Protein backbone atom coordinates (compact mmCIF):
# COMPACT_ATOMS: atom_id res chain seq x y z
CA MET A 1 15.42 1.41 -13.40
CA ILE A 2 14.37 -0.26 -10.26
CA PHE A 3 14.35 -3.97 -10.46
CA ILE A 4 12.37 -5.85 -7.50
CA ALA A 5 11.91 -9.63 -6.67
CA VAL A 6 9.59 -10.35 -3.86
CA LYS A 7 9.16 -13.89 -2.50
CA PHE A 8 5.65 -14.45 -0.88
CA THR A 9 5.02 -17.26 0.56
CA ILE A 10 1.28 -17.69 1.03
CA ARG A 11 -0.91 -19.51 3.71
CA PRO A 12 -2.04 -23.19 2.15
CA GLU A 13 -5.42 -22.43 2.32
CA ARG A 14 -5.42 -19.32 0.25
CA SER A 15 -2.60 -20.16 -2.34
CA GLU A 16 -5.03 -21.37 -4.91
CA GLY A 17 -6.95 -17.96 -4.78
CA TRP A 18 -3.88 -15.86 -4.89
CA LEU A 19 -3.43 -14.70 -8.35
CA SER A 20 -7.50 -13.76 -8.44
CA LEU A 21 -6.57 -11.69 -5.01
CA VAL A 22 -3.65 -9.84 -6.42
CA ASP A 23 -5.52 -9.10 -9.87
CA ASP A 24 -6.91 -5.54 -9.22
CA PHE A 25 -3.53 -4.69 -7.47
CA THR A 26 -1.51 -6.15 -10.63
CA GLN A 27 -3.76 -4.44 -13.06
CA ALA A 28 -3.54 -0.92 -11.43
CA THR A 29 0.18 -1.36 -11.12
CA ARG A 30 0.74 -2.25 -15.04
CA GLN A 31 -1.20 1.03 -15.84
CA GLU A 32 1.05 3.32 -13.67
CA PRO A 33 3.25 5.63 -15.84
CA GLY A 34 6.57 4.57 -14.30
CA ASN A 35 6.08 0.48 -14.53
CA VAL A 36 7.97 -1.17 -16.96
CA PHE A 37 6.79 -4.73 -15.72
CA PHE A 38 5.05 -6.45 -13.02
CA GLU A 39 5.06 -10.60 -13.28
CA TRP A 40 3.79 -13.13 -11.01
CA SER A 41 5.45 -16.97 -11.23
CA ARG A 42 4.76 -19.32 -9.02
CA SER A 43 7.52 -21.53 -7.28
CA VAL A 44 8.42 -25.08 -8.61
CA ASP A 45 10.04 -25.77 -5.41
CA THR A 46 7.83 -24.58 -2.98
CA PRO A 47 4.13 -24.89 -3.78
CA ASN A 48 2.43 -22.08 -1.63
CA GLN A 49 5.29 -19.39 -2.80
CA PHE A 50 4.96 -16.70 -5.65
CA VAL A 51 7.53 -14.82 -7.10
CA LEU A 52 7.12 -11.10 -8.25
CA LEU A 53 9.49 -9.51 -10.74
CA GLU A 54 8.80 -5.76 -10.98
CA ALA A 55 10.56 -2.70 -12.36
CA PHE A 56 9.90 0.89 -12.38
CA ALA A 57 11.60 3.08 -14.63
CA SER A 58 13.21 5.37 -11.95
CA SER A 59 13.30 5.68 -8.13
CA ALA A 60 10.48 8.74 -8.64
CA ALA A 61 8.16 6.01 -10.23
CA GLY A 62 8.96 3.42 -7.62
CA LYS A 63 8.23 6.27 -4.63
CA ALA A 64 4.80 6.77 -6.61
CA HIS A 65 4.28 3.17 -6.65
CA VAL A 66 4.32 2.56 -2.74
CA SER A 67 2.27 5.99 -2.14
CA SER A 68 -0.33 4.53 -4.78
CA GLU A 69 -3.74 3.75 -3.25
CA HIS A 70 -4.06 0.32 -4.82
CA PHE A 71 -0.45 -0.38 -3.14
CA LYS A 72 -1.64 0.97 0.21
CA THR A 73 -5.02 -1.05 -0.39
CA ALA A 74 -2.89 -4.55 -1.24
CA MET A 75 -0.84 -4.08 2.09
CA ALA A 76 -3.70 -3.75 4.29
CA TRP A 77 -5.38 -7.38 3.47
CA MET A 78 -2.03 -9.12 2.71
CA PRO A 79 -0.78 -9.65 5.88
CA ASP A 80 -4.26 -12.08 6.30
CA VAL A 81 -2.99 -14.45 3.51
CA ILE A 82 0.58 -14.40 3.76
CA ALA A 83 2.27 -17.40 5.68
CA LYS A 84 5.50 -15.28 6.45
CA THR A 85 7.02 -12.15 5.79
CA PRO A 86 7.84 -11.87 2.23
CA GLU A 87 11.51 -11.82 0.88
CA ILE A 88 12.50 -9.14 -1.46
CA ILE A 89 15.65 -7.79 -3.51
CA ASN A 90 15.42 -3.91 -4.64
CA VAL A 91 18.39 -2.66 -6.72
CA GLU A 92 18.74 0.23 -9.14
CA VAL A 93 20.41 -1.37 -12.40
CA PRO A 94 21.14 0.35 -15.82
CA GLY A 95 18.89 -0.27 -18.86
CA GLU A 96 15.12 0.62 -19.35
CA GLY A 97 13.39 -3.31 -19.61
CA TRP A 98 14.85 -6.84 -20.50
CA SER A 99 17.50 -7.32 -22.49
CA HIS A 100 18.37 -10.51 -24.77
CA MET A 101 20.65 -13.01 -23.55
CA ALA A 102 23.87 -13.34 -25.32
CA GLU A 103 24.95 -16.81 -24.95
CA LEU A 104 21.31 -18.63 -26.10
CA THR A 105 19.76 -17.76 -29.46
CA PRO A 106 17.03 -20.18 -31.07
CA ALA A 107 18.32 -22.59 -33.53
């Protein structure tokens, strides 16, 4: 599985609308056959920063994602909205999705 974490720092005047701006991109990516998950969160420490956690079943699925029209479309408009170049971690990991944390279970 390919696991990717990306930090997007958005221009302050555009940050409140970020999730709406990326909604089409998000929904299209989630429909890709090799997508495992594609989830956005807002940083609690940096108000204009959003973190994207995404995973693809294989490197081929990841390559298909970056070749997709919705990816190319998003990459075309994002430079006008981001405040700095996104930071990324991209690794191949064993497994097929989320696992359960062994150290903690509900009471």
